[in-house]
Protein backbone atom coordinates (compact mmCIF):
# COMPACT_ATOMS: atom_id res chain seq x y z
CA MET A 1 6.39 -1.03 8.47
CA ARG A 2 8.79 -3.76 7.11
CA THR A 3 9.84 -4.72 10.64
CA THR A 4 6.24 -4.93 11.66
CA PHE A 5 5.55 -6.96 8.61
CA ILE A 6 8.26 -9.68 9.18
CA GLU A 7 7.72 -9.86 12.92
CA THR A 8 4.02 -10.53 12.35
CA LEU A 9 4.81 -12.98 9.60
CA ILE A 10 7.03 -14.92 11.98
CA ASP A 11 4.32 -15.00 14.54
CA GLU A 12 1.87 -16.33 12.10
CA ALA A 13 4.31 -18.88 10.55
CA GLU A 14 4.78 -20.41 14.04
CA GLN A 15 1.09 -21.11 14.11
CA ASP A 16 0.53 -22.02 10.42
CA GLU A 17 3.12 -24.28 8.58
CA ARG A 18 1.68 -23.27 5.19
CA VAL A 19 3.39 -19.86 5.43
CA PHE A 20 6.38 -19.67 2.91
CA LEU A 21 8.63 -16.64 2.16
CA ILE A 22 10.54 -16.07 -0.97
CA THR A 23 12.95 -13.29 -1.78
CA PRO A 24 14.65 -12.35 -5.11
CA ASP A 25 17.96 -11.54 -3.20
CA LEU A 26 16.75 -8.63 -1.28
CA GLY A 27 15.69 -8.06 2.34
CA PHE A 28 19.14 -8.35 3.94
CA SER A 29 18.99 -7.53 7.67
CA VAL A 30 15.24 -7.95 7.43
CA LEU A 31 14.44 -11.53 6.57
CA GLU A 32 17.34 -13.43 8.39
CA LYS A 33 15.06 -14.15 11.53
CA PHE A 34 12.52 -15.96 9.46
CA GLN A 35 15.15 -17.86 7.43
CA LYS A 36 16.75 -18.96 10.66
CA LYS A 37 13.51 -20.23 12.27
CA PHE A 38 11.99 -21.69 9.17
CA PRO A 39 14.81 -22.74 6.82
CA LYS A 40 12.57 -25.17 4.95
CA ARG A 41 10.01 -22.46 4.38
CA PHE A 42 12.33 -19.81 2.95
CA LEU A 43 13.91 -19.47 -0.43
CA ASN A 44 16.28 -16.94 -1.92
CA VAL A 45 15.88 -17.45 -5.70
CA GLY A 46 18.60 -14.87 -6.50
CA ILE A 47 18.14 -11.90 -8.72
CA ALA A 48 15.41 -13.64 -10.74
CA GLU A 49 12.03 -12.00 -10.04
CA GLN A 50 10.16 -13.63 -12.86
CA ASN A 51 11.13 -17.07 -11.55
CA ALA A 52 10.21 -15.99 -7.97
CA ILE A 53 6.77 -15.40 -9.09
CA GLY A 54 6.49 -18.69 -10.94
CA ILE A 55 7.80 -20.69 -7.95
CA ALA A 56 5.44 -18.79 -5.71
CA SER A 57 2.43 -19.59 -7.84
CA GLY A 58 3.42 -23.29 -7.83
CA LEU A 59 3.81 -23.49 -4.19
CA ALA A 60 0.48 -21.66 -3.63
CA LEU A 61 -1.34 -23.92 -6.00
CA SER A 62 0.13 -26.75 -3.79
CA GLY A 63 -1.44 -25.42 -0.72
CA LYS A 64 1.12 -22.97 0.60
CA ILE A 65 0.48 -19.29 1.58
CA VAL A 66 3.35 -17.65 -0.20
CA TYR A 67 4.81 -14.21 0.42
CA VAL A 68 7.39 -12.66 -2.09
CA TYR A 69 9.39 -9.77 -0.76
CA SER A 70 11.27 -7.11 -2.58
CA ILE A 71 11.57 -3.46 -3.27
CA ILE A 72 8.40 -2.32 -5.12
CA PRO A 73 9.47 -1.78 -8.71
CA PHE A 74 11.11 -5.29 -8.65
CA ILE A 75 8.10 -7.13 -7.22
CA THR A 76 5.51 -5.37 -9.41
CA MET A 77 6.95 -4.16 -12.57
CA ARG A 78 9.94 -6.39 -13.56
CA CYS A 79 7.78 -9.38 -13.39
CA PHE A 80 4.32 -8.07 -14.26
CA GLU A 81 3.54 -10.68 -16.96
CA GLN A 82 4.30 -13.49 -14.48
CA ILE A 83 2.03 -11.79 -11.80
CA ARG A 84 -0.75 -11.32 -14.47
CA ILE A 85 -0.67 -14.90 -15.68
CA ASP A 86 0.87 -17.13 -13.00
CA VAL A 87 -0.70 -15.35 -10.05
CA ALA A 88 -3.88 -13.25 -10.98
CA TYR A 89 -5.14 -15.45 -13.74
CA LEU A 90 -4.81 -18.55 -11.54
CA ASN A 91 -6.18 -16.72 -8.47
CA ALA A 92 -3.28 -18.16 -6.46
CA ASN A 93 -2.69 -17.36 -2.84
CA VAL A 94 0.40 -15.32 -3.42
CA ARG A 95 1.10 -12.14 -1.41
CA LEU A 96 3.49 -9.58 -3.15
CA VAL A 97 5.14 -7.62 -0.46
CA GLY A 98 6.68 -4.38 -1.70
CA VAL A 99 8.77 -2.22 0.45
CA GLY A 100 9.64 1.46 -0.44
CA ALA A 101 6.23 3.13 -1.28
CA GLY A 102 6.35 6.19 -3.46
CA LEU A 103 9.57 8.11 -3.05
CA SER A 104 10.83 6.27 0.09
CA TYR A 105 14.01 5.25 -1.93
CA GLY A 106 14.41 8.79 -3.17
CA PRO A 107 18.24 8.91 -3.30
CA GLN A 108 18.48 5.75 -5.29
CA GLY A 109 16.77 7.41 -8.35
CA ALA A 110 13.80 6.71 -10.56
CA THR A 111 14.67 3.00 -10.83
CA HIS A 112 13.67 2.60 -7.20
CA HIS A 113 10.78 5.02 -7.14
CA ALA A 114 7.30 3.32 -6.76
CA ILE A 115 4.93 5.72 -8.32
CA GLU A 116 2.85 3.55 -10.68
CA ASP A 117 2.47 0.30 -8.67
CA ILE A 118 -1.11 0.87 -7.33
CA GLY A 119 -2.35 1.61 -10.81
CA LEU A 120 -0.75 -1.59 -12.12
CA MET A 121 -1.85 -3.80 -9.44
CA ARG A 122 -5.48 -2.54 -9.20
CA ALA A 123 -5.97 -3.11 -12.87
CA LEU A 124 -5.43 -6.87 -12.53
CA PRO A 125 -8.51 -9.02 -12.06
CA ASN A 126 -8.55 -10.99 -8.71
CA MET A 127 -5.82 -8.84 -7.19
CA THR A 128 -6.45 -7.23 -3.79
CA VAL A 129 -4.44 -4.08 -3.19
CA CYS A 130 -3.46 -3.16 0.43
CA CYS A 131 -1.61 0.00 1.34
CA PRO A 132 -1.09 0.26 5.09
CA GLY A 133 -0.46 3.72 6.36
CA ASP A 134 1.17 2.91 9.84
CA PRO A 135 2.64 -0.06 11.65
CA LEU A 136 -0.72 -1.01 13.13
CA GLU A 137 -2.36 -1.16 9.72
CA ALA A 138 0.60 -3.15 8.39
CA ARG A 139 0.35 -5.62 11.36
CA GLU A 140 -3.40 -6.15 10.96
CA ILE A 141 -3.20 -6.52 7.13
CA THR A 142 -0.42 -9.10 7.42
CA LYS A 143 -2.45 -11.11 9.95
CA ALA A 144 -5.68 -10.91 7.80
CA SER A 145 -3.63 -11.98 4.79
CA ILE A 146 -3.14 -15.48 6.13
CA ASN A 147 -6.65 -16.65 5.42
CA TYR A 148 -7.52 -14.21 2.68
CA LYS A 149 -8.44 -15.88 -0.53
CA GLY A 150 -6.80 -15.01 -3.75
CA PRO A 151 -3.68 -12.83 -4.61
CA MET A 152 -2.67 -9.73 -2.68
CA TYR A 153 -0.35 -6.85 -3.09
CA ILE A 154 0.87 -5.30 0.10
CA ARG A 155 2.60 -1.85 -0.37
CA LEU A 156 4.74 -1.03 2.64
CA GLY A 157 6.58 2.17 3.39
CA LYS A 158 10.12 1.60 4.60
CA ASN A 159 10.74 1.69 8.34
CA ASN A 160 10.33 3.77 11.49
CA GLU A 161 7.00 5.17 10.46
CA PRO A 162 5.09 6.56 13.48
CA ARG A 163 1.93 4.80 14.74
CA ILE A 164 -1.05 7.08 13.85
CA HIS A 165 -3.95 4.87 15.08
CA LYS A 166 -4.88 3.93 18.64
CA PRO A 167 -3.89 0.45 19.69
CA ASP A 168 -7.53 -0.74 19.57
CA THR A 169 -8.36 0.57 16.16
CA GLN A 170 -10.12 -1.99 14.03
CA ILE A 171 -8.49 -2.52 10.62
CA THR A 172 -10.34 -4.70 8.07
CA ILE A 173 -9.42 -5.35 4.51
CA GLY A 174 -11.75 -3.33 2.36
CA LYS A 175 -12.74 -0.77 4.92
CA ALA A 176 -11.75 2.90 5.47
CA VAL A 177 -10.65 4.21 8.82
CA GLU A 178 -11.84 7.51 10.17
CA VAL A 179 -8.78 9.13 11.97
CA THR A 180 -10.00 12.56 12.86
CA GLN A 181 -13.47 14.20 12.80
CA GLY A 182 -14.35 17.32 10.88
CA ASP A 183 -16.80 18.86 8.35
CA TYR A 184 -14.70 21.38 6.42
CA LEU A 185 -13.41 18.76 4.10
CA ALA A 186 -12.52 15.11 4.02
CA LEU A 187 -8.83 14.24 3.30
CA ILE A 188 -8.55 10.62 2.23
CA THR A 189 -5.08 9.17 2.05
CA THR A 190 -3.44 5.83 1.66
CA SER A 191 -0.09 4.13 2.37
CA ASN A 192 2.89 6.27 3.41
CA THR A 193 1.19 9.65 3.26
CA LEU A 194 -1.01 8.93 6.27
CA GLU A 195 1.62 10.67 8.57
CA LEU A 196 1.64 13.63 6.17
CA GLY A 197 -2.03 13.82 6.13
CA MET A 198 -2.14 13.86 9.91
CA GLN A 199 0.41 16.60 9.95
CA TRP A 200 -1.72 18.70 7.54
CA VAL A 201 -4.89 18.18 9.57
CA LYS A 202 -3.23 19.35 12.72
CA GLU A 203 -1.95 22.51 10.90
CA TRP A 204 -5.34 23.16 9.45
CA ALA A 205 -6.81 22.74 13.04
CA ASN A 206 -4.58 25.61 14.23
CA GLU A 207 -6.29 27.70 11.64
CA ASP A 208 -9.75 26.62 13.05
CA LEU A 209 -10.41 24.42 10.02
CA GLN A 210 -11.57 20.92 11.13
CA VAL A 211 -10.68 18.37 8.58
CA ARG A 212 -11.83 14.80 8.67
CA LEU A 213 -8.82 12.49 7.91
CA ILE A 214 -9.71 9.13 6.57
CA SER A 215 -7.10 6.35 6.06
CA MET A 216 -7.79 3.95 3.05
CA PRO A 217 -5.54 0.96 3.85
CA THR A 218 -7.21 -0.93 1.02
CA VAL A 219 -7.41 0.57 -2.48
CA LYS A 220 -8.95 -2.59 -3.99
CA PRO A 221 -11.58 -3.41 -3.09
CA ILE A 222 -12.11 0.11 -2.07
CA ASP A 223 -14.60 1.11 0.61
CA LYS A 224 -17.43 2.37 -1.69
CA GLU A 225 -19.92 2.80 1.09
CA ALA A 226 -17.62 5.16 2.91
CA ILE A 227 -17.14 7.31 -0.17
CA PHE A 228 -20.96 7.17 -0.92
CA ASN A 229 -21.62 8.45 2.71
CA LEU A 230 -19.19 11.43 2.15
CA ILE A 231 -20.99 12.23 -1.26
CA GLN A 232 -24.33 12.12 0.45
CA GLU A 233 -22.95 14.54 3.16
CA GLY A 234 -21.90 16.98 0.38
CA ILE A 235 -18.49 17.42 2.14
CA PRO A 236 -15.63 18.26 -0.20
CA ILE A 237 -13.21 15.32 -0.79
CA TYR A 238 -9.58 15.69 -1.33
CA THR A 239 -7.25 12.64 -1.87
CA LEU A 240 -3.58 12.43 -0.92
CA GLU A 241 -1.11 9.82 -2.08
CA GLU A 242 2.53 9.47 -2.96
CA HIS A 243 1.78 7.82 -6.31
CA SER A 244 1.19 9.12 -9.80
CA ILE A 245 -1.91 11.23 -10.12
CA ILE A 246 -2.97 8.58 -12.69
CA GLY A 247 -4.31 5.21 -11.65
CA GLY A 248 -4.04 5.30 -7.81
CA LEU A 249 -6.30 6.22 -4.81
CA GLY A 250 -7.43 9.48 -6.47
CA THR A 251 -8.40 7.82 -9.70
CA ALA A 252 -10.33 5.09 -7.79
CA ILE A 253 -12.30 7.60 -5.81
CA ALA A 254 -12.84 9.78 -8.84
CA GLU A 255 -14.42 6.85 -10.62
CA ILE A 256 -16.99 6.36 -7.75
CA ILE A 257 -17.84 10.12 -7.70
CA ALA A 258 -18.29 10.24 -11.40
CA GLU A 259 -20.80 7.38 -11.34
CA SER A 260 -22.68 8.65 -8.30
CA ASP A 261 -24.63 11.26 -10.39
CA LYS A 262 -23.87 13.72 -7.50
CA LYS A 263 -21.95 17.02 -7.69
CA ILE A 264 -19.24 17.48 -5.15
CA LYS A 265 -15.98 19.39 -4.74
CA PHE A 266 -13.14 16.96 -5.42
CA LYS A 267 -9.29 17.39 -5.80
CA ARG A 268 -6.54 14.86 -6.22
CA ILE A 269 -3.18 15.47 -4.64
CA GLY A 270 -0.46 13.22 -5.89
CA LEU A 271 2.63 13.08 -8.02
CA PRO A 272 2.60 14.54 -11.51
CA ASP A 273 2.73 12.33 -14.60
CA SER A 274 6.43 12.49 -15.04
CA PHE A 275 9.66 10.78 -13.92
CA SER A 276 11.84 12.45 -11.32
CA HIS A 277 15.22 13.45 -12.58
CA ASN A 278 16.24 14.81 -9.21
CA VAL A 279 18.06 12.88 -6.53
CA GLY A 280 17.37 13.51 -3.01
CA ASP A 281 15.58 12.30 0.15
CA GLN A 282 11.93 11.79 0.39
CA LYS A 283 11.11 15.21 1.84
CA PHE A 284 13.17 17.02 -0.76
CA LEU A 285 11.48 15.06 -3.66
CA ARG A 286 7.94 15.51 -2.26
CA GLU A 287 8.40 19.27 -2.32
CA LYS A 288 10.10 19.32 -5.63
CA LEU A 289 7.32 17.25 -7.16
CA GLY A 290 4.64 19.41 -5.62
CA LEU A 291 3.43 17.10 -2.92
CA ILE A 292 2.60 20.02 -0.63
CA LYS A 293 -0.26 21.18 1.51
CA PRO A 294 -2.96 22.86 -0.65
CA LEU A 295 -4.66 26.05 0.19
CA ILE A 296 -8.29 25.28 1.30
């Protein structure tokens, strides 16, 4: 998704000279093409994330559309106060682009794991939280972000994720996307677990269990209408995310269900409320932390 993001951003920057890209000394072998084409619209501030956010806010308030790119913990947590005040409070057109959703950087350890970021960002007033699940979602959200008003957080996986959607699939900020049809239950997923959700749905189909897979590329604002429709249908709802069980997609949907005055079977599938003290690749850590297909 990061390659799709930067290629899309370059296309947009060729058409709109307001686009500006900042990195706090990350993105090597990813951002050089943008830097070469638009040297006056690129800035490496060094390992100084708080400064990056302050500069981004100032540029945005001067009319630029500013993207700040880094690994997720460094673009959301290290500089959280600056995001809250300089960006969210001022409603500035800054786009925080984080790479490495969930356990994508598994071998680097807990410092690089991104398991609280959705909860942190969705708690901020004015902040839109986008979590694309495949390259097509990443491309369409990046394109839409050019003229979107207010701050955004865009949570990317890493790279080489498969395309799940058909080429003509409509992706709109704030709207869910139905990927497969089925009435046994609805599996709602976001970000880098879209591929895993599709794998589970195919395995259930082999057991004659038809599951409706729904991608939620925007967690805030979330598509309440789509959730209400599922509640009215009475179909069981499961959520899947590579994020803490607290504060992410499952929490957002639980809030809607709780306020609907309707009874419905509901289950959250996510990461436990704990740090990982294991080191290994993403697949190893998913299994170690219980992100496995449930019995239904």
